[in-house]
Amino acid sequence: MNTYFEAVEWLGNHLLTCPFKAMTGIDCPGCGMQRSVIKLLEGDVAQSIAFHPAGATTLIMILLLVLHSKFDFKHGARILTILFILNIVLITGNYIYKIYIGQLY
């Protein structure tokens, strides 16, 4: 169990830099996703949603994709499609909201 928390802490200390934000200084639609997933792995759902609302659904989608490719679930492709569409809606909606409140920094 200790190794899990060490791995999550390591991930938190080694975040990838967003190339779009590095070049323009403006958040991209996915900015905050890494921190969101890390907070979710730490068990802090509220902070995860605050960083990016699509973090949880993205993590679930990736896990289901890996499991579906291994076990070929009966409705796996349909569920993945629904999660993909949900992620598109959440990411786009979050970005529009950030533009509306002027939080792209």
Protein backbone atom coordinates (compact mmCIF):
# COMPACT_ATOMS: atom_id res chain seq x y z
CA MET A 1 0.00 0.00 0.00
CA ASN A 2 2.86 2.36 0.77
CA THR A 3 4.23 1.83 -2.74
CA TYR A 4 0.92 3.03 -4.24
CA PHE A 5 1.10 6.36 -2.40
CA GLU A 6 4.76 6.74 -3.32
CA ALA A 7 3.87 6.18 -6.97
CA VAL A 8 1.06 8.76 -6.82
CA GLU A 9 3.39 11.23 -5.10
CA TRP A 10 6.03 10.62 -7.78
CA LEU A 11 3.43 11.30 -10.49
CA GLY A 12 2.49 14.54 -8.75
CA ASN A 13 6.12 15.64 -8.73
CA HIS A 14 6.68 14.78 -12.42
CA LEU A 15 3.82 16.44 -14.28
CA LEU A 16 4.22 16.93 -18.01
CA THR A 17 4.34 20.50 -19.30
CA CYS A 18 1.52 21.54 -21.61
CA PRO A 19 3.17 22.60 -24.89
CA PHE A 20 0.22 24.83 -25.84
CA LYS A 21 0.36 26.72 -22.55
CA ALA A 22 4.17 26.89 -22.72
CA MET A 23 4.00 28.55 -26.14
CA THR A 24 0.96 30.79 -25.67
CA GLY A 25 0.54 31.25 -21.91
CA ILE A 26 -3.12 30.19 -22.29
CA ASP A 27 -4.62 26.98 -20.90
CA CYS A 28 -5.54 24.31 -23.42
CA PRO A 29 -8.82 22.36 -23.06
CA GLY A 30 -6.96 19.57 -21.24
CA CYS A 31 -5.05 21.73 -18.77
CA GLY A 32 -5.63 20.48 -15.25
CA MET A 33 -6.33 16.90 -16.33
CA GLN A 34 -3.11 15.47 -14.88
CA ARG A 35 -3.67 17.12 -11.51
CA SER A 36 -7.30 15.99 -11.60
CA VAL A 37 -6.34 12.34 -12.10
CA ILE A 38 -3.66 12.53 -9.39
CA LYS A 39 -6.16 14.00 -6.90
CA LEU A 40 -8.59 11.23 -7.83
CA LEU A 41 -5.90 8.61 -7.21
CA GLU A 42 -5.28 10.25 -3.84
CA GLY A 43 -9.01 9.93 -3.07
CA ASP A 44 -9.87 13.64 -3.18
CA VAL A 45 -12.84 13.61 -5.56
CA ALA A 46 -13.92 17.23 -4.92
CA GLN A 47 -10.45 18.61 -5.66
CA SER A 48 -10.22 16.32 -8.69
CA ILE A 49 -13.41 17.79 -10.15
CA ALA A 50 -12.19 21.31 -9.31
CA PHE A 51 -9.00 20.76 -11.33
CA HIS A 52 -10.85 19.25 -14.31
CA PRO A 53 -14.33 17.72 -14.42
CA ALA A 54 -13.32 15.15 -17.05
CA GLY A 55 -10.46 13.65 -15.00
CA ALA A 56 -12.55 10.87 -13.46
CA THR A 57 -14.31 9.89 -16.67
CA THR A 58 -11.02 9.92 -18.56
CA LEU A 59 -9.40 7.62 -16.00
CA ILE A 60 -12.41 5.28 -16.11
CA MET A 61 -12.33 5.30 -19.92
CA ILE A 62 -8.63 4.43 -20.05
CA LEU A 63 -9.05 1.62 -17.51
CA LEU A 64 -12.05 0.23 -19.39
CA LEU A 65 -10.15 0.45 -22.68
CA VAL A 66 -7.29 -1.60 -21.27
CA LEU A 67 -9.66 -4.16 -19.73
CA HIS A 68 -11.83 -4.33 -22.86
CA SER A 69 -8.80 -4.94 -25.07
CA LYS A 70 -7.84 -7.84 -22.78
CA PHE A 71 -11.24 -9.39 -22.02
CA ASP A 72 -13.44 -8.18 -24.94
CA PHE A 73 -16.55 -7.23 -22.93
CA LYS A 74 -19.90 -7.71 -24.67
CA HIS A 75 -20.87 -4.02 -24.53
CA GLY A 76 -17.37 -2.62 -23.98
CA ALA A 77 -17.17 -0.75 -27.28
CA ARG A 78 -20.55 0.89 -26.72
CA ILE A 79 -19.64 1.95 -23.18
CA LEU A 80 -16.30 3.32 -24.40
CA THR A 81 -18.10 5.32 -27.10
CA ILE A 82 -20.48 6.81 -24.52
CA LEU A 83 -17.57 7.67 -22.20
CA PHE A 84 -15.67 9.24 -25.12
CA ILE A 85 -18.65 11.45 -26.01
CA LEU A 86 -19.13 12.34 -22.33
CA ASN A 87 -15.45 13.33 -22.12
CA ILE A 88 -15.74 15.52 -25.23
CA VAL A 89 -18.77 17.27 -23.70
CA LEU A 90 -17.07 17.74 -20.31
CA ILE A 91 -13.79 18.99 -21.78
CA THR A 92 -15.50 21.38 -24.21
CA GLY A 93 -17.97 22.59 -21.58
CA ASN A 94 -15.20 23.16 -19.04
CA TYR A 95 -13.16 25.13 -21.58
CA ILE A 96 -16.13 27.30 -22.57
CA TYR A 97 -16.83 27.92 -18.88
CA LYS A 98 -13.18 28.93 -18.29
CA ILE A 99 -13.40 31.34 -21.23
CA TYR A 100 -16.69 32.75 -19.91
CA ILE A 101 -15.34 33.45 -16.41
CA GLY A 102 -11.98 34.61 -17.74
CA GLN A 103 -9.91 31.91 -16.07
CA LEU A 104 -7.59 31.07 -18.97
CA TYR A 105 -4.22 31.99 -17.50
